[in-house]
Amino acid sequence: MQPFSFQTGTQAMHGLTFGHGEEVVIALHGWLDNAHSYIPMLQNAQLNQRWYCLDFPGHGLSDWRSSDAHYYFIDYIDDVYKFIESLDVTKVHLVGHSMGAMVAGVFASCFPEKVASVNFIEGIGCVTTNSNEVSGQLRKAILNRARVNSKGPRAFDSKAHIISARLASGDLEYPQAELLMTRNSYEKAGKWYLTTDPKLKNHSGFRFDEAQCIATIKQINAPCQLILGDEGFPFVKQNLEAYGKYYKELKIHKIPGGHHCHMQFPALTLEHVHAFIGQYKAS
């Protein structure tokens, strides 16, 4: 693997690249994760594509958005667009986990001419808000901003404490949590801090409603594949039931593991991803 960086205006995005080949794969991680999410899949794999695993802004080693900015889901679409434009390629394959899967789907809807295939891992559709609840959603977001913005950075006594906090909030075992938090933390003056922007935990000020989500899905022309962990998040299965029928082409695989099944069973996940990408050349 090799590190890379990409400048978007005054801010830099960072990531890791794996493999060689004419086919380009953009890998997008989940909320509060980072590019290390894909190391178990890719580090020792024989890859005939060039993979770019991004850190979204505010995650991993990428810069935070400016102090007066917030993290809107739709802005991640712009981040991916700018990065793909910098590569000067005709089409790419998208692989996304959780939030990254949702970003991949909306990007494929907005820019179908740039996408050869999409692999969703434990994520599909969008997180939606009923159209009657839009004002309440915005109210909660604004009130939450005031609380989060008033807090200083949390200091941990050791890296082990940061890893333990990550373990307490998800389905990961220690090796996977350590891998993620190695990129999501740093040491300063004997204390450990998170590299992730605290504003990532603000409530979303805006979400698509169900009709907008369906309309977005119907605009996806690229073939799609969903990989589900058999002990994954119920929300993902609920979204599959609600929205799966609106995809023009959607192949589904269930594998062992939880929400981070691509880290828990990386070889099996990559096998399914490779087989699917191999059917659709990015020409």
Protein backbone atom coordinates (compact mmCIF):
# COMPACT_ATOMS: atom_id res chain seq x y z
CA MET A 1 0.00 0.00 0.00
CA GLN A 2 1.09 3.56 -0.66
CA PRO A 3 -0.21 6.78 0.91
CA PHE A 4 -1.56 9.54 -1.30
CA SER A 5 -3.04 13.00 -0.81
CA PHE A 6 -5.36 15.17 -2.86
CA GLN A 7 -5.96 18.89 -2.49
CA THR A 8 -9.56 20.20 -2.54
CA GLY A 9 -9.28 23.96 -2.37
CA THR A 10 -7.58 24.81 0.94
CA GLN A 11 -8.03 21.33 2.42
CA ALA A 12 -6.34 18.00 1.80
CA MET A 13 -7.83 14.54 1.58
CA HIS A 14 -5.61 11.55 2.30
CA GLY A 15 -5.82 7.86 1.64
CA LEU A 16 -4.09 4.64 0.69
CA THR A 17 -3.68 3.08 -2.73
CA PHE A 18 -3.25 -0.62 -3.50
CA GLY A 19 -2.55 -2.67 -6.61
CA HIS A 20 -1.88 -1.88 -10.25
CA GLY A 21 -3.91 -1.95 -13.44
CA GLU A 22 -6.01 0.10 -15.80
CA GLU A 23 -9.24 -0.51 -13.89
CA VAL A 24 -9.70 2.01 -11.04
CA VAL A 25 -11.64 1.27 -7.86
CA ILE A 26 -12.62 3.99 -5.37
CA ALA A 27 -13.24 2.61 -1.87
CA LEU A 28 -15.31 4.66 0.57
CA HIS A 29 -15.42 3.94 4.30
CA GLY A 30 -18.16 4.26 6.88
CA TRP A 31 -18.96 7.00 9.38
CA LEU A 32 -16.12 7.57 11.89
CA ASP A 33 -13.97 4.93 10.13
CA ASN A 34 -11.14 5.61 7.67
CA ALA A 35 -9.09 4.11 4.82
CA HIS A 36 -7.69 1.44 7.16
CA SER A 37 -11.12 -0.18 6.93
CA TYR A 38 -9.95 -1.78 3.67
CA ILE A 39 -6.49 -2.98 4.74
CA PRO A 40 -7.66 -6.49 5.74
CA MET A 41 -9.18 -6.96 2.26
CA LEU A 42 -6.34 -5.52 0.22
CA GLN A 43 -2.98 -5.63 2.00
CA ASN A 44 -1.93 -9.09 0.89
CA ALA A 45 -4.24 -9.50 -2.10
CA GLN A 46 -3.21 -9.94 -5.72
CA LEU A 47 -4.97 -7.00 -7.32
CA ASN A 48 -5.30 -6.37 -11.04
CA GLN A 49 -6.99 -3.02 -10.40
CA ARG A 50 -5.73 0.20 -8.86
CA TRP A 51 -7.62 0.82 -5.60
CA TYR A 52 -7.87 4.24 -3.96
CA CYS A 53 -9.14 4.10 -0.37
CA LEU A 54 -10.11 7.59 0.75
CA ASP A 55 -10.35 9.21 4.16
CA PHE A 56 -13.45 11.40 3.98
CA PRO A 57 -12.96 14.96 5.28
CA GLY A 58 -12.96 15.00 9.08
CA HIS A 59 -11.92 11.32 9.20
CA GLY A 60 -8.56 9.59 9.47
CA LEU A 61 -5.73 11.80 8.21
CA SER A 62 -7.85 14.07 6.00
CA ASP A 63 -8.29 17.71 6.96
CA TRP A 64 -11.35 18.85 8.86
CA ARG A 65 -13.80 21.14 7.14
CA SER A 66 -13.42 24.78 8.15
CA SER A 67 -14.57 25.90 11.60
CA ASP A 68 -17.76 27.48 10.22
CA ALA A 69 -18.67 24.46 8.07
CA HIS A 70 -20.58 21.30 8.89
CA TYR A 71 -20.68 17.77 7.49
CA TYR A 72 -23.53 17.29 5.06
CA PHE A 73 -23.87 13.87 3.47
CA ILE A 74 -24.34 15.42 0.04
CA ASP A 75 -20.98 17.21 0.27
CA TYR A 76 -19.23 13.84 0.27
CA ILE A 77 -20.58 13.38 -3.27
CA ASP A 78 -18.66 16.51 -4.26
CA ASP A 79 -15.50 15.20 -2.56
CA VAL A 80 -15.67 11.96 -4.55
CA TYR A 81 -16.39 13.85 -7.77
CA LYS A 82 -13.35 16.10 -7.33
CA PHE A 83 -11.11 13.14 -6.57
CA ILE A 84 -12.25 11.15 -9.61
CA GLU A 85 -11.79 14.21 -11.81
CA SER A 86 -8.19 14.49 -10.60
CA LEU A 87 -7.47 10.93 -11.79
CA ASP A 88 -8.37 11.69 -15.40
CA VAL A 89 -10.14 8.38 -15.96
CA THR A 90 -13.31 7.67 -17.94
CA LYS A 91 -15.08 5.38 -15.46
CA VAL A 92 -14.42 3.87 -12.04
CA HIS A 93 -15.77 1.08 -9.89
CA LEU A 94 -17.14 2.16 -6.51
CA VAL A 95 -16.94 0.11 -3.31
CA GLY A 96 -18.56 1.57 -0.22
CA HIS A 97 -19.14 0.42 3.34
CA SER A 98 -22.06 1.73 5.43
CA MET A 99 -22.13 5.53 4.95
CA GLY A 100 -19.63 5.08 2.13
CA ALA A 101 -22.08 2.70 0.42
CA MET A 102 -24.76 5.37 0.53
CA VAL A 103 -22.33 7.95 -0.87
CA ALA A 104 -21.42 5.52 -3.66
CA GLY A 105 -25.08 5.02 -4.55
CA VAL A 106 -25.93 8.72 -4.71
CA PHE A 107 -22.75 9.43 -6.69
CA ALA A 108 -23.67 6.72 -9.21
CA SER A 109 -27.10 8.31 -9.52
CA CYS A 110 -25.73 11.83 -10.12
CA PHE A 111 -22.85 10.80 -12.41
CA PRO A 112 -23.84 7.56 -14.15
CA GLU A 113 -21.36 8.23 -16.97
CA LYS A 114 -18.47 7.88 -14.52
CA VAL A 115 -19.45 4.60 -12.82
CA ALA A 116 -18.91 1.08 -14.19
CA SER A 117 -20.15 -0.85 -11.14
CA VAL A 118 -21.05 -0.35 -7.48
CA ASN A 119 -20.40 -2.70 -4.57
CA PHE A 120 -22.33 -1.89 -1.39
CA ILE A 121 -21.07 -3.42 1.86
CA GLU A 122 -23.58 -3.25 4.74
CA GLY A 123 -25.24 -0.13 3.38
CA ILE A 124 -27.89 0.65 0.79
CA GLY A 125 -30.29 3.46 -0.04
CA CYS A 126 -30.17 6.50 2.24
CA VAL A 127 -30.92 7.49 5.80
CA THR A 128 -34.24 9.28 5.29
CA THR A 129 -36.48 11.68 7.20
CA ASN A 130 -40.21 11.87 6.64
CA SER A 131 -41.10 15.04 4.74
CA ASN A 132 -43.37 16.08 7.65
CA GLU A 133 -40.38 16.01 10.02
CA VAL A 134 -37.99 18.25 8.08
CA SER A 135 -38.28 21.25 10.40
CA GLY A 136 -37.90 19.09 13.50
CA GLN A 137 -34.79 17.49 12.00
CA LEU A 138 -33.25 20.90 11.34
CA ARG A 139 -34.16 22.13 14.83
CA LYS A 140 -32.45 19.12 16.45
CA ALA A 141 -29.38 19.63 14.28
CA ILE A 142 -28.98 23.29 15.23
CA LEU A 143 -29.44 22.64 18.93
CA ASN A 144 -26.99 19.74 18.77
CA ARG A 145 -24.38 21.92 17.04
CA ALA A 146 -24.36 24.31 19.99
CA ARG A 147 -23.68 21.45 22.41
CA VAL A 148 -20.94 19.82 20.35
CA ASN A 149 -19.21 23.10 19.47
CA SER A 150 -18.94 24.04 23.15
CA LYS A 151 -16.89 20.95 23.98
CA GLY A 152 -13.11 20.81 23.84
CA PRO A 153 -11.19 17.81 22.45
CA ARG A 154 -11.36 14.76 24.66
CA ALA A 155 -8.01 13.56 26.01
CA PHE A 156 -7.35 9.84 26.57
CA ASP A 157 -4.63 8.50 28.84
CA SER A 158 -3.39 6.00 26.26
CA LYS A 159 -4.02 4.60 22.81
CA ALA A 160 -5.44 1.51 24.52
CA HIS A 161 -8.16 3.68 26.08
CA ILE A 162 -9.11 5.01 22.65
CA ILE A 163 -9.29 1.48 21.25
CA SER A 164 -11.43 0.39 24.20
CA ALA A 165 -13.84 3.27 23.56
CA ARG A 166 -14.15 2.15 19.92
CA LEU A 167 -14.78 -1.43 20.98
CA ALA A 168 -17.60 -0.30 23.27
CA SER A 169 -19.46 1.39 20.41
CA GLY A 170 -19.49 -1.26 17.70
CA ASP A 171 -19.23 -4.85 16.52
CA LEU A 172 -15.45 -4.99 16.11
CA GLU A 173 -12.91 -7.19 17.82
CA TYR A 174 -9.64 -5.77 19.11
CA PRO A 175 -7.47 -6.21 15.98
CA GLN A 176 -9.96 -4.39 13.76
CA ALA A 177 -10.57 -1.61 16.29
CA GLU A 178 -6.82 -1.14 16.74
CA LEU A 179 -6.35 -0.93 12.97
CA LEU A 180 -9.00 1.78 12.62
CA MET A 181 -7.96 3.80 15.65
CA THR A 182 -4.28 3.78 14.66
CA ARG A 183 -5.32 6.11 11.83
CA ASN A 184 -7.97 7.92 13.87
CA SER A 185 -5.75 8.99 16.78
CA TYR A 186 -2.52 10.77 17.66
CA GLU A 187 -0.36 11.40 20.73
CA LYS A 188 0.52 14.85 22.08
CA ALA A 189 2.30 15.66 25.35
CA GLY A 190 1.59 12.24 26.79
CA LYS A 191 -2.14 12.26 25.98
CA TRP A 192 -4.02 10.69 23.07
CA TYR A 193 -6.61 12.47 20.92
CA LEU A 194 -8.93 11.62 18.04
CA THR A 195 -8.15 12.85 14.54
CA THR A 196 -11.87 12.77 13.73
CA ASP A 197 -13.69 16.10 13.82
CA PRO A 198 -16.13 16.24 16.78
CA LYS A 199 -18.63 17.93 14.45
CA LEU A 200 -19.10 14.59 12.68
CA LYS A 201 -21.36 13.68 15.60
CA ASN A 202 -23.71 16.58 14.94
CA HIS A 203 -27.20 15.60 13.83
CA SER A 204 -27.82 15.92 10.10
CA GLY A 205 -29.58 19.16 9.24
CA PHE A 206 -31.08 17.69 6.08
CA ARG A 207 -31.92 14.20 4.82
CA PHE A 208 -33.69 12.89 1.75
CA ASP A 209 -37.25 11.76 2.26
CA GLU A 210 -38.40 8.36 1.01
CA ALA A 211 -39.63 9.65 -2.37
CA GLN A 212 -36.32 11.43 -3.02
CA CYS A 213 -34.39 8.31 -2.05
CA ILE A 214 -36.41 6.19 -4.48
CA ALA A 215 -36.03 8.74 -7.27
CA THR A 216 -32.27 8.79 -6.70
CA ILE A 217 -32.01 5.00 -6.85
CA LYS A 218 -33.99 4.87 -10.10
CA GLN A 219 -31.34 7.06 -11.73
CA ILE A 220 -28.55 4.53 -11.06
CA ASN A 221 -27.63 2.82 -14.33
CA ALA A 222 -24.57 0.91 -13.10
CA PRO A 223 -24.94 -2.70 -11.96
CA CYS A 224 -24.93 -2.98 -8.17
CA GLN A 225 -24.06 -5.66 -5.65
CA LEU A 226 -24.86 -5.72 -1.94
CA ILE A 227 -22.79 -7.69 0.57
CA LEU A 228 -24.56 -8.24 3.89
CA GLY A 229 -23.18 -9.55 7.15
CA ASP A 230 -25.47 -12.21 8.61
CA GLU A 231 -25.18 -10.38 11.95
CA GLY A 232 -25.08 -6.91 10.41
CA PHE A 233 -27.19 -3.88 11.27
CA PRO A 234 -30.96 -4.45 11.05
CA PHE A 235 -31.24 -0.99 9.46
CA VAL A 236 -29.43 -2.24 6.36
CA LYS A 237 -31.82 -5.15 5.90
CA GLN A 238 -34.77 -2.80 6.44
CA ASN A 239 -33.46 -0.50 3.72
CA LEU A 240 -32.97 -3.45 1.40
CA GLU A 241 -36.59 -4.45 1.90
CA ALA A 242 -37.78 -0.87 1.36
CA TYR A 243 -35.58 0.11 -1.59
CA GLY A 244 -34.03 -2.99 -3.15
CA LYS A 245 -36.77 -3.35 -5.78
CA TYR A 246 -35.96 0.05 -7.28
CA TYR A 247 -32.45 -0.84 -8.50
CA LYS A 248 -32.17 -1.77 -12.17
CA GLU A 249 -29.69 -4.53 -11.28
CA LEU A 250 -28.91 -5.62 -7.72
CA LYS A 251 -27.09 -8.81 -6.79
CA ILE A 252 -27.10 -9.79 -3.11
CA HIS A 253 -24.65 -11.90 -1.10
CA LYS A 254 -24.93 -12.73 2.58
CA ILE A 255 -21.66 -13.61 4.33
CA PRO A 256 -20.64 -14.26 7.95
CA GLY A 257 -19.93 -11.29 10.18
CA GLY A 258 -21.43 -8.10 11.50
CA HIS A 259 -21.59 -4.56 10.18
CA HIS A 260 -17.84 -4.64 9.49
CA CYS A 261 -17.97 -8.01 7.74
CA HIS A 262 -15.39 -6.76 5.20
CA MET A 263 -12.86 -6.53 8.04
CA GLN A 264 -13.95 -9.72 9.78
CA PHE A 265 -14.08 -11.88 6.64
CA PRO A 266 -11.92 -9.90 4.22
CA ALA A 267 -10.96 -12.67 1.80
CA LEU A 268 -14.56 -13.73 1.22
CA THR A 269 -15.68 -10.12 0.79
CA LEU A 270 -12.93 -9.42 -1.73
CA GLU A 271 -13.79 -12.60 -3.63
CA HIS A 272 -17.34 -11.36 -4.18
CA VAL A 273 -16.19 -7.83 -5.03
CA HIS A 274 -13.55 -9.06 -7.49
CA ALA A 275 -15.97 -11.39 -9.24
CA PHE A 276 -18.52 -8.62 -9.67
CA ILE A 277 -16.03 -5.98 -10.87
CA GLY A 278 -14.60 -8.49 -13.34
CA GLN A 279 -17.92 -8.61 -15.20
CA TYR A 280 -17.96 -4.89 -15.95
CA LYS A 281 -14.96 -3.17 -17.50
CA ALA A 282 -14.59 0.55 -16.87
CA SER A 283 -14.30 1.48 -20.55
